[in-house]
Amino acid sequence: MPRVALDLNDASDRAQVKGEWRVAPGLVPGEENEGLTARLAASAARLADYDDSGWEVCGNIRQSLSAGFTFAWYRIAVELPETVNGMAVEGARLWFETNADNYGEVWVNGELDRTAGAIVGLNNPQRIELAAAAEPGATYAIACLVANGPLAEPRGGVFLRYAYLALEATDN
C-alpha cells in the first residue's frame, strides 16, 4: 500500500498543510500552579476551537521544555491539500503518529479516542486514524497533552519525539 508522511516538525512539510505548532506549559495553560487543582473536571486546551493564538510558536517539538513534574500542551491545526508529495489525498486513510516524552494524550477536534488516543506508560508510540477516507480541504485540530514521568520521580523535560501526518492509499 503506497504511503507518504509529512514530518510535522519540518517547516516545509508543515507548510503543505498550513500547520504551525503552538506550545504552552501547564495542564491548564495560564492558570496559577499550571491549573493543577484538586478535582479539576477538564482542560479547555483539548477543544478544537480553543484560542491558542497567545501561545508560543514552536518551531521544534523535540526541544525539551522544563524539568521535573510538569505538563505542556502542543497544538497544531492542519488543512489537507489536494496532494501530498505526489499522492492524491482524496480517499486515502489519514493518520497522526507521535511519541510523547513521557506520557501523552492526543485530542483530535476536541475528542479523545479512549482506546487509541491515551498513551499508557512511558514513551509509547501512538497512531491515531484521523479519517478512513480523507478529503482535500478537511481540517483537523490536534492537541497533545504531555506530562513528564515517571510521576513519582520525573526526569528531563517534556517534548514530542516526533509527529507525522501519514496518508495511505486504499485499494477502493
Protein backbone atom coordinates (compact mmCIF):
# COMPACT_ATOMS: atom_id res chain seq x y z
CA MET A 1 0.00 0.00 0.00
CA PRO A 2 1.56 3.33 -1.02
CA ARG A 3 2.27 5.68 1.86
CA VAL A 4 3.51 9.25 2.25
CA ALA A 5 4.21 11.02 5.50
CA LEU A 6 4.75 14.64 6.44
CA ASP A 7 7.15 15.35 9.29
CA LEU A 8 5.23 17.94 11.28
CA ASN A 9 8.49 19.06 12.90
CA ASP A 10 9.75 20.18 9.47
CA ALA A 11 8.68 23.66 8.36
CA SER A 12 8.37 22.77 4.66
CA ASP A 13 6.21 19.72 5.45
CA ARG A 14 4.02 21.78 7.83
CA ALA A 15 3.57 24.37 5.09
CA GLN A 16 1.90 21.73 2.87
CA VAL A 17 -0.93 21.50 5.43
CA LYS A 18 -0.77 25.16 6.57
CA GLY A 19 0.19 23.99 10.07
CA GLU A 20 2.02 25.76 12.87
CA TRP A 21 2.77 24.21 16.26
CA ARG A 22 1.95 26.20 19.36
CA VAL A 23 3.00 25.22 22.87
CA ALA A 24 2.09 26.28 26.39
CA PRO A 25 3.07 24.90 29.78
CA GLY A 26 0.54 23.57 32.23
CA LEU A 27 -2.45 21.29 32.42
CA VAL A 28 -4.49 24.49 32.13
CA PRO A 29 -2.11 26.98 30.47
CA GLY A 30 -2.05 30.43 32.01
CA GLU A 31 -3.60 29.32 35.29
CA GLU A 32 -1.89 29.53 38.66
CA ASN A 33 0.00 26.35 39.53
CA GLU A 34 -0.36 25.35 35.85
CA GLY A 35 -4.01 24.56 36.55
CA LEU A 36 -3.17 21.67 38.85
CA THR A 37 -6.11 21.74 41.23
CA ALA A 38 -7.99 19.03 43.07
CA ARG A 39 -10.99 17.68 41.20
CA LEU A 40 -10.29 19.63 38.01
CA ALA A 41 -13.00 18.45 35.60
CA ALA A 42 -11.27 19.24 32.28
CA SER A 43 -8.76 21.40 30.45
CA ALA A 44 -10.23 23.53 27.68
CA ALA A 45 -6.94 23.33 25.75
CA ARG A 46 -8.15 20.00 24.36
CA LEU A 47 -11.05 21.60 22.45
CA ALA A 48 -10.91 22.21 18.71
CA ASP A 49 -11.99 25.86 18.97
CA TYR A 50 -9.69 26.74 21.88
CA ASP A 51 -7.85 30.03 21.26
CA ASP A 52 -4.14 29.25 21.38
CA SER A 53 -3.12 32.39 19.45
CA GLY A 54 -1.33 33.77 22.52
CA TRP A 55 0.80 30.66 22.91
CA GLU A 56 4.42 30.49 21.84
CA VAL A 57 5.02 29.33 18.26
CA CYS A 58 7.05 26.14 18.45
CA GLY A 59 9.46 25.52 15.59
CA ASN A 60 10.96 22.39 17.17
CA ILE A 61 8.68 19.98 19.03
CA ARG A 62 11.75 17.93 20.01
CA GLN A 63 13.15 20.70 22.17
CA SER A 64 12.82 19.72 25.83
CA LEU A 65 10.72 22.04 27.96
CA SER A 66 11.13 22.43 31.71
CA ALA A 67 12.33 19.79 34.15
CA GLY A 68 10.67 17.69 36.80
CA PHE A 69 6.93 17.14 37.11
CA THR A 70 5.22 19.26 34.52
CA PHE A 71 2.58 19.33 31.82
CA ALA A 72 2.52 21.07 28.45
CA TRP A 73 0.15 21.28 25.51
CA TYR A 74 1.25 21.13 21.87
CA ARG A 75 -1.38 22.17 19.32
CA ILE A 76 -1.48 22.26 15.54
CA ALA A 77 -4.29 22.74 13.03
CA VAL A 78 -3.80 21.12 9.63
CA GLU A 79 -5.71 21.56 6.37
CA LEU A 80 -5.47 18.79 3.80
CA PRO A 81 -4.30 19.79 0.31
CA GLU A 82 -5.24 18.01 -2.96
CA THR A 83 -1.97 16.05 -2.99
CA VAL A 84 0.89 15.33 -0.61
CA ASN A 85 4.25 14.57 -2.18
CA GLY A 86 2.54 13.37 -5.36
CA MET A 87 -0.12 11.22 -3.67
CA ALA A 88 -3.78 12.16 -4.02
CA VAL A 89 -5.36 12.92 -0.64
CA GLU A 90 -8.92 12.07 -1.74
CA GLY A 91 -9.95 8.70 -0.29
CA ALA A 92 -6.63 7.92 1.42
CA ARG A 93 -6.51 6.78 5.05
CA LEU A 94 -5.14 9.56 7.22
CA TRP A 95 -3.14 9.00 10.40
CA PHE A 96 -1.48 11.14 13.06
CA GLU A 97 1.58 9.43 14.54
CA THR A 98 3.51 10.68 17.55
CA ASN A 99 5.53 9.76 20.61
CA ALA A 100 5.32 11.98 23.68
CA ASP A 101 8.02 12.10 26.31
CA ASN A 102 6.87 10.74 28.70
CA TYR A 103 3.07 10.47 28.92
CA GLY A 104 0.73 11.88 26.32
CA GLU A 105 -2.84 12.21 25.14
CA VAL A 106 -3.90 13.09 21.61
CA TRP A 107 -7.14 15.02 21.18
CA VAL A 108 -8.44 15.44 17.62
CA ASN A 109 -11.11 18.07 17.03
CA GLY A 110 -11.78 18.09 20.76
CA GLU A 111 -12.26 14.32 21.03
CA LEU A 112 -10.12 11.60 22.57
CA ASP A 113 -10.28 8.05 21.27
CA ARG A 114 -10.05 6.40 24.67
CA THR A 115 -8.77 3.14 23.20
CA ALA A 116 -6.14 4.65 20.89
CA GLY A 117 -5.72 8.28 22.00
CA ALA A 118 -4.33 7.92 25.51
CA ILE A 119 -0.75 6.78 25.71
CA VAL A 120 -0.28 4.38 28.58
CA GLY A 121 3.16 4.16 30.17
CA LEU A 122 6.31 5.94 29.19
CA ASN A 123 7.47 6.87 25.69
CA ASN A 124 4.99 4.73 23.75
CA PRO A 125 4.35 5.40 20.06
CA GLN A 126 0.80 6.36 19.18
CA ARG A 127 -1.01 6.08 15.84
CA ILE A 128 -4.48 7.61 15.53
CA GLU A 129 -6.71 7.37 12.49
CA LEU A 130 -8.00 10.81 11.56
CA ALA A 131 -10.01 9.69 8.53
CA ALA A 132 -10.79 6.38 6.80
CA ALA A 133 -11.24 8.34 3.57
CA ALA A 134 -9.54 11.74 3.63
CA GLU A 135 -10.96 14.75 1.81
CA PRO A 136 -8.96 17.71 0.50
CA GLY A 137 -9.82 20.87 2.43
CA ALA A 138 -10.69 18.96 5.61
CA THR A 139 -9.16 20.46 8.75
CA TYR A 140 -8.06 18.80 11.96
CA ALA A 141 -7.21 20.46 15.27
CA ILE A 142 -4.68 18.23 17.02
CA ALA A 143 -3.93 18.88 20.69
CA CYS A 144 -1.32 16.80 22.51
CA LEU A 145 -1.15 16.90 26.30
CA VAL A 146 2.29 15.83 27.52
CA ALA A 147 3.39 15.11 31.10
CA ASN A 148 6.80 14.23 32.41
CA GLY A 149 7.32 10.93 34.16
CA PRO A 150 7.56 8.69 35.90
CA LEU A 151 5.22 10.82 38.00
CA ALA A 152 6.86 9.96 41.33
CA GLU A 153 10.37 10.81 40.03
CA PRO A 154 10.27 12.60 36.67
CA ARG A 155 13.47 13.20 34.76
CA GLY A 156 14.23 15.55 31.90
CA GLY A 157 11.59 17.72 30.29
CA VAL A 158 8.54 17.26 28.12
CA PHE A 159 8.60 17.14 24.31
CA LEU A 160 7.27 15.25 21.31
CA ARG A 161 9.84 12.81 19.92
CA TYR A 162 8.14 13.00 16.53
CA ALA A 163 4.84 13.89 14.88
CA TYR A 164 3.82 12.70 11.42
CA LEU A 165 0.75 13.11 9.28
CA ALA A 166 0.61 9.95 7.16
CA LEU A 167 -1.53 9.08 4.17
CA GLU A 168 -2.00 5.51 2.99
CA ALA A 169 -3.63 4.79 -0.37
CA THR A 170 -6.53 2.38 -0.21
CA ASP A 171 -7.48 -0.19 -2.82
CA ASN A 172 -11.05 1.15 -3.08
